[in-house]
Amino acid sequence: MAIIAFLLIVGGTFHILGQGGIISYMLKKIVWRYREPVVHIAVLYHPVFYGAGGTGGQL
């Protein structure tokens, strides 16, 4: 029950943030702040590949 409640709270939070336009605003601010191409690779793409590598390593 605790896990289901946690997932509902997290899902509700993301729903509220999405409906309010806060998520898109935050993403625009992050992209604007790190608009240099070298920083894009280091800051924005690294977590994607890091997460994919961690997921692939668990399989």
PDB file of N, CA and C in Angstrom:
ATOM      1  N   MET A   1       0.815  -1.198   0.000  1.00  0.00           N
ATOM      2  CA  MET A   1       0.000   0.000   0.000  1.00  0.00           C
ATOM      3  C   MET A   1       0.859   1.264   0.000  1.00  0.00           C
ATOM      4  N   ALA A   2       1.971   1.218   0.703  1.00  0.00           N
ATOM      5  CA  ALA A   2       2.834   2.401   0.766  1.00  0.00           C
ATOM      6  C   ALA A   2       3.425   2.714  -0.603  1.00  0.00           C
ATOM      7  N   ILE A   3       3.797   1.678  -1.353  1.00  0.00           N
ATOM      8  CA  ILE A   3       4.378   1.881  -2.683  1.00  0.00           C
ATOM      9  C   ILE A   3       3.333   2.469  -3.622  1.00  0.00           C
ATOM     10  N   ILE A   4       2.123   1.950  -3.561  1.00  0.00           N
ATOM     11  CA  ILE A   4       1.058   2.461  -4.429  1.00  0.00           C
ATOM     12  C   ILE A   4       0.748   3.923  -4.083  1.00  0.00           C
ATOM     13  N   ALA A   5       0.706   4.239  -2.789  1.00  0.00           N
ATOM     14  CA  ALA A   5       0.456   5.628  -2.385  1.00  0.00           C
ATOM     15  C   ALA A   5       1.574   6.540  -2.870  1.00  0.00           C
ATOM     16  N   PHE A   6       2.820   6.069  -2.750  1.00  0.00           N
ATOM     17  CA  PHE A   6       3.955   6.864  -3.210  1.00  0.00           C
ATOM     18  C   PHE A   6       3.865   7.121  -4.706  1.00  0.00           C
ATOM     19  N   LEU A   7       3.547   6.089  -5.481  1.00  0.00           N
ATOM     20  CA  LEU A   7       3.426   6.249  -6.929  1.00  0.00           C
ATOM     21  C   LEU A   7       2.291   7.197  -7.304  1.00  0.00           C
ATOM     22  N   LEU A   8       1.188   7.130  -6.573  1.00  0.00           N
ATOM     23  CA  LEU A   8       0.083   8.048  -6.844  1.00  0.00           C
ATOM     24  C   LEU A   8       0.474   9.493  -6.527  1.00  0.00           C
ATOM     25  N   ILE A   9       1.209   9.699  -5.460  1.00  0.00           N
ATOM     26  CA  ILE A   9       1.640  11.050  -5.107  1.00  0.00           C
ATOM     27  C   ILE A   9       2.606  11.594  -6.149  1.00  0.00           C
ATOM     28  N   VAL A  10       3.581  10.778  -6.549  1.00  0.00           N
ATOM     29  CA  VAL A  10       4.555  11.216  -7.549  1.00  0.00           C
ATOM     30  C   VAL A  10       3.861  11.478  -8.884  1.00  0.00           C
ATOM     31  N   GLY A  11       2.966  10.577  -9.284  1.00  0.00           N
ATOM     32  CA  GLY A  11       2.232  10.763 -10.532  1.00  0.00           C
ATOM     33  C   GLY A  11       1.365  12.010 -10.505  1.00  0.00           C
ATOM     34  N   GLY A  12       0.702  12.255  -9.380  1.00  0.00           N
ATOM     35  CA  GLY A  12      -0.110  13.457  -9.242  1.00  0.00           C
ATOM     36  C   GLY A  12       0.721  14.728  -9.304  1.00  0.00           C
ATOM     37  N   THR A  13       1.898  14.664  -8.694  1.00  0.00           N
ATOM     38  CA  THR A  13       2.787  15.823  -8.725  1.00  0.00           C
ATOM     39  C   THR A  13       3.208  16.145 -10.152  1.00  0.00           C
ATOM     40  N   PHE A  14       3.608  15.121 -10.907  1.00  0.00           N
ATOM     41  CA  PHE A  14       4.007  15.359 -12.297  1.00  0.00           C
ATOM     42  C   PHE A  14       2.824  15.826 -13.142  1.00  0.00           C
ATOM     43  N   HIS A  15       1.643  15.321 -12.857  1.00  0.00           N
ATOM     44  CA  HIS A  15       0.453  15.765 -13.594  1.00  0.00           C
ATOM     45  C   HIS A  15       0.195  17.253 -13.340  1.00  0.00           C
ATOM     46  N   ILE A  16       0.275  17.667 -12.087  1.00  0.00           N
ATOM     47  CA  ILE A  16       0.060  19.073 -11.752  1.00  0.00           C
ATOM     48  C   ILE A  16       1.135  19.954 -12.395  1.00  0.00           C
ATOM     49  N   LEU A  17       2.388  19.502 -12.333  1.00  0.00           N
ATOM     50  CA  LEU A  17       3.468  20.278 -12.947  1.00  0.00           C
ATOM     51  C   LEU A  17       3.280  20.376 -14.466  1.00  0.00           C
ATOM     52  N   GLY A  18       2.824  19.302 -15.086  1.00  0.00           N
ATOM     53  CA  GLY A  18       2.596  19.316 -16.531  1.00  0.00           C
ATOM     54  C   GLY A  18       1.438  20.215 -16.930  1.00  0.00           C
ATOM     55  N   GLN A  19       0.356  20.171 -16.182  1.00  0.00           N
ATOM     56  CA  GLN A  19      -0.801  20.997 -16.497  1.00  0.00           C
ATOM     57  C   GLN A  19      -0.519  22.480 -16.284  1.00  0.00           C
ATOM     58  N   GLY A  20       0.333  22.785 -15.335  1.00  0.00           N
ATOM     59  CA  GLY A  20       0.661  24.174 -15.060  1.00  0.00           C
ATOM     60  C   GLY A  20       1.717  24.747 -15.980  1.00  0.00           C
ATOM     61  N   GLY A  21       2.338  23.896 -16.801  1.00  0.00           N
ATOM     62  CA  GLY A  21       3.372  24.356 -17.715  1.00  0.00           C
ATOM     63  C   GLY A  21       4.727  24.537 -17.057  1.00  0.00           C
ATOM     64  N   ILE A  22       4.861  24.046 -15.839  1.00  0.00           N
ATOM     65  CA  ILE A  22       6.108  24.236 -15.100  1.00  0.00           C
ATOM     66  C   ILE A  22       7.223  23.362 -15.660  1.00  0.00           C
ATOM     67  N   ILE A  23       6.891  22.149 -16.088  1.00  0.00           N
ATOM     68  CA  ILE A  23       7.915  21.249 -16.627  1.00  0.00           C
ATOM     69  C   ILE A  23       8.514  21.823 -17.907  1.00  0.00           C
ATOM     70  N   SER A  24       7.673  22.303 -18.809  1.00  0.00           N
ATOM     71  CA  SER A  24       8.202  22.870 -20.052  1.00  0.00           C
ATOM     72  C   SER A  24       9.014  24.136 -19.770  1.00  0.00           C
ATOM     73  N   TYR A  25       8.577  24.925 -18.798  1.00  0.00           N
ATOM     74  CA  TYR A  25       9.328  26.125 -18.429  1.00  0.00           C
ATOM     75  C   TYR A  25      10.708  25.743 -17.892  1.00  0.00           C
ATOM     76  N   MET A  26      10.768  24.736 -17.029  1.00  0.00           N
ATOM     77  CA  MET A  26      12.047  24.312 -16.459  1.00  0.00           C
ATOM     78  C   MET A  26      12.967  23.764 -17.543  1.00  0.00           C
ATOM     79  N   LEU A  27      12.423  22.982 -18.477  1.00  0.00           N
ATOM     80  CA  LEU A  27      13.246  22.445 -19.558  1.00  0.00           C
ATOM     81  C   LEU A  27      13.781  23.563 -20.449  1.00  0.00           C
ATOM     82  N   LYS A  28      12.955  24.559 -20.742  1.00  0.00           N
ATOM     83  CA  LYS A  28      13.419  25.691 -21.556  1.00  0.00           C
ATOM     84  C   LYS A  28      14.538  26.452 -20.850  1.00  0.00           C
ATOM     85  N   LYS A  29      14.400  26.639 -19.539  1.00  0.00           N
ATOM     86  CA  LYS A  29      15.438  27.324 -18.779  1.00  0.00           C
ATOM     87  C   LYS A  29      16.747  26.528 -18.769  1.00  0.00           C
ATOM     88  N   ILE A  30      16.655  25.205 -18.638  1.00  0.00           N
ATOM     89  CA  ILE A  30      17.855  24.369 -18.630  1.00  0.00           C
ATOM     90  C   ILE A  30      18.538  24.425 -19.981  1.00  0.00           C
ATOM     91  N   VAL A  31      17.766  24.290 -21.054  1.00  0.00           N
ATOM     92  CA  VAL A  31      18.349  24.322 -22.397  1.00  0.00           C
ATOM     93  C   VAL A  31      18.950  25.694 -22.686  1.00  0.00           C
ATOM     94  N   TRP A  32      18.290  26.774 -22.260  1.00  0.00           N
ATOM     95  CA  TRP A  32      18.823  28.113 -22.494  1.00  0.00           C
ATOM     96  C   TRP A  32      20.110  28.324 -21.706  1.00  0.00           C
ATOM     97  N   ARG A  33      20.141  27.823 -20.494  1.00  0.00           N
ATOM     98  CA  ARG A  33      21.324  28.007 -19.658  1.00  0.00           C
ATOM     99  C   ARG A  33      22.526  27.255 -20.223  1.00  0.00           C
ATOM    100  N   TYR A  34      22.297  26.064 -20.731  1.00  0.00           N
ATOM    101  CA  TYR A  34      23.378  25.242 -21.277  1.00  0.00           C
ATOM    102  C   TYR A  34      23.258  25.181 -22.792  1.00  0.00           C
ATOM    103  N   ARG A  35      23.221  26.345 -23.453  1.00  0.00           N
ATOM    104  CA  ARG A  35      23.000  26.385 -24.898  1.00  0.00           C
ATOM    105  C   ARG A  35      24.252  26.147 -25.721  1.00  0.00           C
ATOM    106  N   GLU A  36      25.424  26.149 -25.103  1.00  0.00           N
ATOM    107  CA  GLU A  36      26.659  25.868 -25.831  1.00  0.00           C
ATOM    108  C   GLU A  36      26.704  24.384 -26.190  1.00  0.00           C
ATOM    109  N   PRO A  37      27.143  24.035 -27.408  1.00  0.00           N
ATOM    110  CA  PRO A  37      27.128  22.627 -27.841  1.00  0.00           C
ATOM    111  C   PRO A  37      27.946  21.699 -26.947  1.00  0.00           C
ATOM    112  N   VAL A  38      29.088  22.143 -26.465  1.00  0.00           N
ATOM    113  CA  VAL A  38      29.917  21.276 -25.629  1.00  0.00           C
ATOM    114  C   VAL A  38      29.209  20.987 -24.311  1.00  0.00           C
ATOM    115  N   VAL A  39      28.546  21.993 -23.766  1.00  0.00           N
ATOM    116  CA  VAL A  39      27.839  21.808 -22.502  1.00  0.00           C
ATOM    117  C   VAL A  39      26.641  20.900 -22.689  1.00  0.00           C
ATOM    118  N   HIS A  40      25.985  20.962 -23.858  1.00  0.00           N
ATOM    119  CA  HIS A  40      24.868  20.063 -24.143  1.00  0.00           C
ATOM    120  C   HIS A  40      25.315  18.618 -23.999  1.00  0.00           C
ATOM    121  N   ILE A  41      26.431  18.302 -24.578  1.00  0.00           N
ATOM    122  CA  ILE A  41      26.912  16.923 -24.542  1.00  0.00           C
ATOM    123  C   ILE A  41      27.228  16.520 -23.110  1.00  0.00           C
ATOM    124  N   ALA A  42      27.912  17.380 -22.382  1.00  0.00           N
ATOM    125  CA  ALA A  42      28.359  17.032 -21.038  1.00  0.00           C
ATOM    126  C   ALA A  42      27.214  16.993 -20.034  1.00  0.00           C
ATOM    127  N   VAL A  43      26.282  17.922 -20.124  1.00  0.00           N
ATOM    128  CA  VAL A  43      25.277  18.055 -19.080  1.00  0.00           C
ATOM    129  C   VAL A  43      23.962  17.365 -19.440  1.00  0.00           C
ATOM    130  N   LEU A  44      23.513  17.502 -20.660  1.00  0.00           N
ATOM    131  CA  LEU A  44      22.195  16.991 -21.006  1.00  0.00           C
ATOM    132  C   LEU A  44      22.209  15.553 -21.523  1.00  0.00           C
ATOM    133  N   TYR A  45      23.217  15.175 -22.282  1.00  0.00           N
ATOM    134  CA  TYR A  45      23.219  13.845 -22.866  1.00  0.00           C
ATOM    135  C   TYR A  45      23.839  12.798 -21.954  1.00  0.00           C
ATOM    136  N   HIS A  46      24.736  13.208 -21.082  1.00  0.00           N
ATOM    137  CA  HIS A  46      25.412  12.251 -20.209  1.00  0.00           C
ATOM    138  C   HIS A  46      24.438  11.455 -19.334  1.00  0.00           C
ATOM    139  N   PRO A  47      23.455  12.086 -18.672  1.00  0.00           N
ATOM    140  CA  PRO A  47      22.535  11.292 -17.849  1.00  0.00           C
ATOM    141  C   PRO A  47      21.740  10.264 -18.652  1.00  0.00           C
ATOM    142  N   VAL A  48      21.442  10.569 -19.909  1.00  0.00           N
ATOM    143  CA  VAL A  48      20.690   9.622 -20.738  1.00  0.00           C
ATOM    144  C   VAL A  48      21.525   8.373 -20.990  1.00  0.00           C
ATOM    145  N   PHE A  49      22.768   8.566 -21.400  1.00  0.00           N
ATOM    146  CA  PHE A  49      23.615   7.411 -21.682  1.00  0.00           C
ATOM    147  C   PHE A  49      23.991   6.681 -20.398  1.00  0.00           C
ATOM    148  N   TYR A  50      24.165   7.410 -19.314  1.00  0.00           N
ATOM    149  CA  TYR A  50      24.498   6.812 -18.020  1.00  0.00           C
ATOM    150  C   TYR A  50      23.328   5.912 -17.565  1.00  0.00           C
ATOM    151  N   GLY A  51      22.122   6.423 -17.700  1.00  0.00           N
ATOM    152  CA  GLY A  51      20.948   5.639 -17.316  1.00  0.00           C
ATOM    153  C   GLY A  51      20.753   4.426 -18.205  1.00  0.00           C
ATOM    154  N   ALA A  52      20.979   4.594 -19.516  1.00  0.00           N
ATOM    155  CA  ALA A  52      20.831   3.477 -20.441  1.00  0.00           C
ATOM    156  C   ALA A  52      21.885   2.412 -20.159  1.00  0.00           C
ATOM    157  N   GLY A  53      23.103   2.846 -19.834  1.00  0.00           N
ATOM    158  CA  GLY A  53      24.162   1.881 -19.522  1.00  0.00           C
ATOM    159  C   GLY A  53      23.868   1.131 -18.228  1.00  0.00           C
ATOM    160  N   GLY A  54      23.340   1.843 -17.247  1.00  0.00           N
ATOM    161  CA  GLY A  54      22.991   1.187 -15.986  1.00  0.00           C
ATOM    162  C   GLY A  54      21.847   0.195 -16.159  1.00  0.00           C
ATOM    163  N   THR A  55      20.877   0.562 -16.984  1.00  0.00           N
ATOM    164  CA  THR A  55      19.763  -0.342 -17.240  1.00  0.00           C
ATOM    165  C   THR A  55      20.223  -1.564 -18.027  1.00  0.00           C
ATOM    166  N   GLY A  56      21.043  -1.331 -19.042  1.00  0.00           N
ATOM    167  CA  GLY A  56      21.568  -2.451 -19.843  1.00  0.00           C
ATOM    168  C   GLY A  56      22.467  -3.366 -19.031  1.00  0.00           C
ATOM    169  N   GLY A  57      23.191  -2.810 -18.073  1.00  0.00           N
ATOM    170  CA  GLY A  57      24.059  -3.626 -17.249  1.00  0.00           C
ATOM    171  C   GLY A  57      23.301  -4.525 -16.301  1.00  0.00           C
ATOM    172  N   GLN A  58      22.074  -4.149 -15.959  1.00  0.00           N
ATOM    173  CA  GLN A  58      21.271  -4.959 -15.061  1.00  0.00           C
ATOM    174  C   GLN A  58      20.594  -6.108 -15.790  1.00  0.00           C
ATOM    175  N   LEU A  59      20.478  -5.993 -17.099  1.00  0.00           N
ATOM    176  CA  LEU A  59      19.803  -7.063 -17.846  1.00  0.00           C
ATOM    177  C   LEU A  59      20.692  -8.211 -17.984  1.00  0.00           C
TER     178      LEU A  59
END
